Amino acid sequence: MHRKVIDEWWNATPVDGPELLFIKFARDLILKEGSFESYATLSQSGTGEGSNSTVTAEDYDLAYWIDDERHDLLPELRRAAAWCDRELASIEAKLPEQTK
């Protein structure tokens, strides 16, 4: 039953969707090239000095490159993770309930 549901998913899933293309792109660079040109930084704003300092805001910057073009990484990661959640939930919904 699992194989049937998975095969149906593969047949119905476009292989050129942006989420799957990003996942494959990142996977190939990491596993096959051993590299994924990217960075993540944390910036903080605050008030006060020394022991009286208080962080009032934090900002993250995540980016990756394709050739020499910079792309925002965080939205891509969020979109890919949300896509995976949706797709796995749709596969799971088609499987029979497990008995304990």
N, C-alpha and C. Protein backbone atom coordinates (compact mmCIF):
# COMPACT_ATOMS: atom_id res chain seq x y z
N MET A 1 0.83 -1.20 0.00
CA MET A 1 0.00 0.00 0.00
C MET A 1 0.87 1.26 0.00
N HIS A 2 1.94 1.25 0.81
CA HIS A 2 2.83 2.41 0.87
C HIS A 2 3.45 2.69 -0.49
N ARG A 3 3.94 1.66 -1.14
CA ARG A 3 4.58 1.82 -2.46
C ARG A 3 3.59 2.42 -3.45
N LYS A 4 2.35 1.98 -3.43
CA LYS A 4 1.32 2.48 -4.34
C LYS A 4 1.08 3.97 -4.11
N VAL A 5 0.95 4.37 -2.86
CA VAL A 5 0.70 5.77 -2.52
C VAL A 5 1.89 6.64 -2.93
N ILE A 6 3.10 6.16 -2.67
CA ILE A 6 4.29 6.92 -3.04
C ILE A 6 4.42 7.05 -4.55
N ASP A 7 4.17 5.96 -5.27
CA ASP A 7 4.22 6.01 -6.73
C ASP A 7 3.19 6.98 -7.29
N GLU A 8 1.99 6.98 -6.72
CA GLU A 8 0.96 7.93 -7.16
C GLU A 8 1.41 9.36 -6.91
N TRP A 9 2.07 9.60 -5.77
CA TRP A 9 2.57 10.94 -5.45
C TRP A 9 3.60 11.37 -6.48
N TRP A 10 4.56 10.49 -6.78
CA TRP A 10 5.59 10.84 -7.77
C TRP A 10 4.97 11.14 -9.12
N ASN A 11 3.98 10.37 -9.53
CA ASN A 11 3.34 10.59 -10.83
C ASN A 11 2.56 11.90 -10.87
N ALA A 12 2.06 12.35 -9.73
CA ALA A 12 1.25 13.57 -9.69
C ALA A 12 2.06 14.82 -9.35
N THR A 13 3.31 14.66 -8.95
CA THR A 13 4.12 15.79 -8.49
C THR A 13 4.98 16.33 -9.62
N PRO A 14 4.83 17.63 -9.94
CA PRO A 14 5.68 18.20 -10.98
C PRO A 14 7.13 18.29 -10.49
N VAL A 15 8.03 17.78 -11.29
CA VAL A 15 9.44 17.76 -10.89
C VAL A 15 10.10 19.12 -11.10
N ASP A 16 9.39 20.06 -11.72
CA ASP A 16 9.98 21.37 -11.96
C ASP A 16 9.34 22.46 -11.09
N GLY A 17 8.65 22.05 -10.01
CA GLY A 17 8.10 23.04 -9.08
C GLY A 17 9.23 23.74 -8.34
N PRO A 18 9.05 25.01 -7.97
CA PRO A 18 10.14 25.77 -7.36
C PRO A 18 10.67 25.17 -6.06
N GLU A 19 9.79 24.61 -5.24
CA GLU A 19 10.25 24.03 -3.97
C GLU A 19 11.12 22.81 -4.21
N LEU A 20 10.67 21.91 -5.06
CA LEU A 20 11.44 20.70 -5.33
C LEU A 20 12.74 21.02 -6.05
N LEU A 21 12.72 22.00 -6.94
CA LEU A 21 13.96 22.41 -7.62
C LEU A 21 14.98 22.95 -6.62
N PHE A 22 14.50 23.77 -5.65
CA PHE A 22 15.42 24.29 -4.64
C PHE A 22 15.98 23.16 -3.79
N ILE A 23 15.13 22.23 -3.37
CA ILE A 23 15.58 21.10 -2.54
C ILE A 23 16.63 20.29 -3.29
N LYS A 24 16.38 19.98 -4.54
CA LYS A 24 17.34 19.20 -5.34
C LYS A 24 18.63 19.98 -5.56
N PHE A 25 18.51 21.28 -5.84
CA PHE A 25 19.68 22.13 -6.05
C PHE A 25 20.58 22.13 -4.81
N ALA A 26 19.98 22.39 -3.64
CA ALA A 26 20.76 22.43 -2.40
C ALA A 26 21.35 21.06 -2.08
N ARG A 27 20.55 20.01 -2.24
CA ARG A 27 21.04 18.65 -1.98
C ARG A 27 22.24 18.31 -2.86
N ASP A 28 22.12 18.60 -4.15
CA ASP A 28 23.21 18.28 -5.07
C ASP A 28 24.50 19.02 -4.71
N LEU A 29 24.37 20.30 -4.38
CA LEU A 29 25.57 21.05 -4.00
C LEU A 29 26.19 20.49 -2.72
N ILE A 30 25.36 20.21 -1.74
CA ILE A 30 25.88 19.75 -0.45
C ILE A 30 26.48 18.35 -0.57
N LEU A 31 25.74 17.43 -1.18
CA LEU A 31 26.18 16.04 -1.23
C LEU A 31 27.19 15.74 -2.34
N LYS A 32 26.99 16.33 -3.51
CA LYS A 32 27.83 15.99 -4.65
C LYS A 32 29.03 16.92 -4.81
N GLU A 33 28.84 18.20 -4.49
CA GLU A 33 29.93 19.17 -4.63
C GLU A 33 30.64 19.40 -3.30
N GLY A 34 29.98 19.04 -2.21
CA GLY A 34 30.57 19.28 -0.89
C GLY A 34 30.56 20.75 -0.51
N SER A 35 29.67 21.52 -1.11
CA SER A 35 29.66 22.96 -0.86
C SER A 35 28.27 23.52 -1.12
N PHE A 36 27.88 24.46 -0.30
CA PHE A 36 26.65 25.22 -0.52
C PHE A 36 26.99 26.64 -0.11
N GLU A 37 27.33 27.47 -1.09
CA GLU A 37 27.79 28.83 -0.79
C GLU A 37 26.65 29.63 -0.18
N SER A 38 26.76 29.85 1.12
CA SER A 38 25.71 30.56 1.83
C SER A 38 26.29 31.14 3.11
N TYR A 39 25.50 31.99 3.75
CA TYR A 39 25.91 32.52 5.05
C TYR A 39 24.66 32.87 5.86
N ALA A 40 24.88 33.00 7.15
CA ALA A 40 23.83 33.44 8.06
C ALA A 40 24.46 34.37 9.09
N THR A 41 23.86 35.53 9.28
CA THR A 41 24.37 36.47 10.28
C THR A 41 23.22 36.92 11.18
N LEU A 42 23.58 37.27 12.38
CA LEU A 42 22.64 37.80 13.36
C LEU A 42 23.09 39.21 13.71
N SER A 43 22.20 40.18 13.57
CA SER A 43 22.47 41.56 13.98
C SER A 43 21.57 41.89 15.16
N GLN A 44 22.14 42.59 16.13
CA GLN A 44 21.35 43.00 17.29
C GLN A 44 21.45 44.50 17.49
N SER A 45 20.35 45.10 17.91
CA SER A 45 20.32 46.50 18.32
C SER A 45 20.03 46.52 19.81
N GLY A 46 20.48 47.53 20.47
CA GLY A 46 20.21 47.58 21.89
C GLY A 46 20.44 48.95 22.48
N THR A 47 20.18 49.03 23.76
CA THR A 47 20.42 50.26 24.52
C THR A 47 21.24 49.92 25.74
N GLY A 48 21.89 50.93 26.29
CA GLY A 48 22.69 50.74 27.49
C GLY A 48 24.08 50.22 27.18
N GLU A 49 24.88 50.14 28.22
CA GLU A 49 26.25 49.66 28.07
C GLU A 49 26.58 48.67 29.17
N GLY A 50 27.52 47.79 28.88
CA GLY A 50 27.99 46.84 29.87
C GLY A 50 26.86 46.00 30.45
N SER A 51 26.83 45.91 31.80
CA SER A 51 25.81 45.08 32.45
C SER A 51 24.41 45.68 32.33
N ASN A 52 24.32 46.93 31.89
CA ASN A 52 23.01 47.59 31.71
C ASN A 52 22.50 47.49 30.27
N SER A 53 23.21 46.75 29.43
CA SER A 53 22.77 46.69 28.02
C SER A 53 21.56 45.76 27.88
N THR A 54 20.68 46.14 27.00
CA THR A 54 19.47 45.37 26.71
C THR A 54 19.31 45.27 25.20
N VAL A 55 19.14 44.06 24.70
CA VAL A 55 18.88 43.87 23.28
C VAL A 55 17.44 44.24 23.00
N THR A 56 17.24 45.16 22.05
CA THR A 56 15.88 45.61 21.72
C THR A 56 15.37 45.04 20.41
N ALA A 57 16.27 44.53 19.56
CA ALA A 57 15.84 43.96 18.28
C ALA A 57 16.91 43.02 17.76
N GLU A 58 16.47 41.98 17.05
CA GLU A 58 17.38 41.05 16.39
C GLU A 58 16.94 40.91 14.94
N ASP A 59 17.91 40.75 14.06
CA ASP A 59 17.62 40.56 12.65
C ASP A 59 18.58 39.52 12.10
N TYR A 60 18.06 38.61 11.29
CA TYR A 60 18.86 37.58 10.68
C TYR A 60 18.96 37.83 9.18
N ASP A 61 20.12 37.58 8.64
CA ASP A 61 20.31 37.67 7.20
C ASP A 61 20.88 36.34 6.73
N LEU A 62 20.14 35.65 5.88
CA LEU A 62 20.57 34.37 5.33
C LEU A 62 20.56 34.50 3.82
N ALA A 63 21.63 34.06 3.18
CA ALA A 63 21.71 34.17 1.73
C ALA A 63 22.47 32.99 1.15
N TYR A 64 22.24 32.74 -0.13
CA TYR A 64 23.02 31.74 -0.87
C TYR A 64 23.25 32.27 -2.27
N TRP A 65 24.20 31.69 -2.97
CA TRP A 65 24.55 32.15 -4.30
C TRP A 65 24.35 31.06 -5.34
N ILE A 66 23.88 31.49 -6.49
CA ILE A 66 23.91 30.68 -7.70
C ILE A 66 24.77 31.49 -8.66
N ASP A 67 25.92 30.93 -9.01
CA ASP A 67 26.93 31.67 -9.75
C ASP A 67 27.27 32.92 -8.94
N ASP A 68 27.11 34.10 -9.48
CA ASP A 68 27.43 35.32 -8.72
C ASP A 68 26.18 36.05 -8.26
N GLU A 69 25.02 35.39 -8.33
CA GLU A 69 23.77 36.03 -7.96
C GLU A 69 23.34 35.62 -6.55
N ARG A 70 23.12 36.62 -5.69
CA ARG A 70 22.71 36.39 -4.30
C ARG A 70 21.20 36.18 -4.24
N HIS A 71 20.78 35.20 -3.42
CA HIS A 71 19.36 34.90 -3.20
C HIS A 71 19.10 34.83 -1.70
N ASP A 72 17.91 35.25 -1.28
CA ASP A 72 17.53 35.15 0.13
C ASP A 72 17.27 33.69 0.47
N LEU A 73 17.96 33.20 1.49
CA LEU A 73 17.86 31.79 1.85
C LEU A 73 16.67 31.49 2.76
N LEU A 74 16.37 32.36 3.71
CA LEU A 74 15.31 32.06 4.68
C LEU A 74 13.95 31.83 4.02
N PRO A 75 13.51 32.68 3.09
CA PRO A 75 12.22 32.39 2.45
C PRO A 75 12.23 31.07 1.68
N GLU A 76 13.36 30.74 1.06
CA GLU A 76 13.46 29.47 0.32
C GLU A 76 13.36 28.29 1.28
N LEU A 77 14.05 28.37 2.42
CA LEU A 77 14.00 27.30 3.41
C LEU A 77 12.59 27.14 3.96
N ARG A 78 11.95 28.25 4.27
CA ARG A 78 10.58 28.20 4.81
C ARG A 78 9.61 27.62 3.78
N ARG A 79 9.74 28.06 2.53
CA ARG A 79 8.85 27.55 1.48
C ARG A 79 9.07 26.06 1.26
N ALA A 80 10.33 25.62 1.24
CA ALA A 80 10.64 24.20 1.04
C ALA A 80 10.12 23.36 2.20
N ALA A 81 10.30 23.85 3.43
CA ALA A 81 9.82 23.11 4.61
C ALA A 81 8.29 23.01 4.61
N ALA A 82 7.61 24.11 4.27
CA ALA A 82 6.14 24.10 4.22
C ALA A 82 5.66 23.15 3.13
N TRP A 83 6.34 23.14 1.99
CA TRP A 83 5.98 22.24 0.90
C TRP A 83 6.14 20.78 1.34
N CYS A 84 7.26 20.48 2.00
CA CYS A 84 7.49 19.11 2.49
C CYS A 84 6.39 18.70 3.47
N ASP A 85 6.05 19.59 4.39
CA ASP A 85 4.97 19.29 5.35
C ASP A 85 3.66 18.99 4.64
N ARG A 86 3.30 19.83 3.66
CA ARG A 86 2.05 19.61 2.92
C ARG A 86 2.06 18.29 2.17
N GLU A 87 3.17 18.02 1.48
CA GLU A 87 3.26 16.81 0.67
C GLU A 87 3.25 15.55 1.54
N LEU A 88 3.99 15.58 2.63
CA LEU A 88 4.01 14.42 3.53
C LEU A 88 2.64 14.19 4.16
N ALA A 89 1.95 15.29 4.53
CA ALA A 89 0.61 15.16 5.10
C ALA A 89 -0.35 14.56 4.08
N SER A 90 -0.22 14.95 2.81
CA SER A 90 -1.13 14.41 1.80
C SER A 90 -0.85 12.92 1.56
N ILE A 91 0.41 12.52 1.63
CA ILE A 91 0.76 11.09 1.48
C ILE A 91 0.23 10.32 2.68
N GLU A 92 0.47 10.85 3.87
CA GLU A 92 0.05 10.19 5.10
C GLU A 92 -1.47 9.99 5.13
N ALA A 93 -2.20 10.97 4.64
CA ALA A 93 -3.67 10.90 4.66
C ALA A 93 -4.20 9.77 3.80
N LYS A 94 -3.43 9.31 2.83
CA LYS A 94 -3.86 8.25 1.93
C LYS A 94 -3.49 6.86 2.44
N LEU A 95 -2.71 6.78 3.49
CA LEU A 95 -2.29 5.50 4.03
C LEU A 95 -3.32 4.98 5.04
N PRO A 96 -3.41 3.67 5.16
CA PRO A 96 -4.34 3.12 6.15
C PRO A 96 -3.84 3.44 7.57
N GLU A 97 -4.79 3.53 8.49
CA GLU A 97 -4.43 3.79 9.88
C GLU A 97 -3.62 2.65 10.44
N GLN A 98 -2.60 2.99 11.23
CA GLN A 98 -1.78 1.96 11.85
C GLN A 98 -2.46 1.43 13.11
N THR A 99 -2.36 0.15 13.31
CA THR A 99 -2.87 -0.42 14.55
C THR A 99 -1.69 -0.64 15.49
N LYS A 100 -1.96 -0.45 16.77
CA LYS A 100 -0.88 -0.57 17.75
C LYS A 100 -0.87 -1.92 18.40
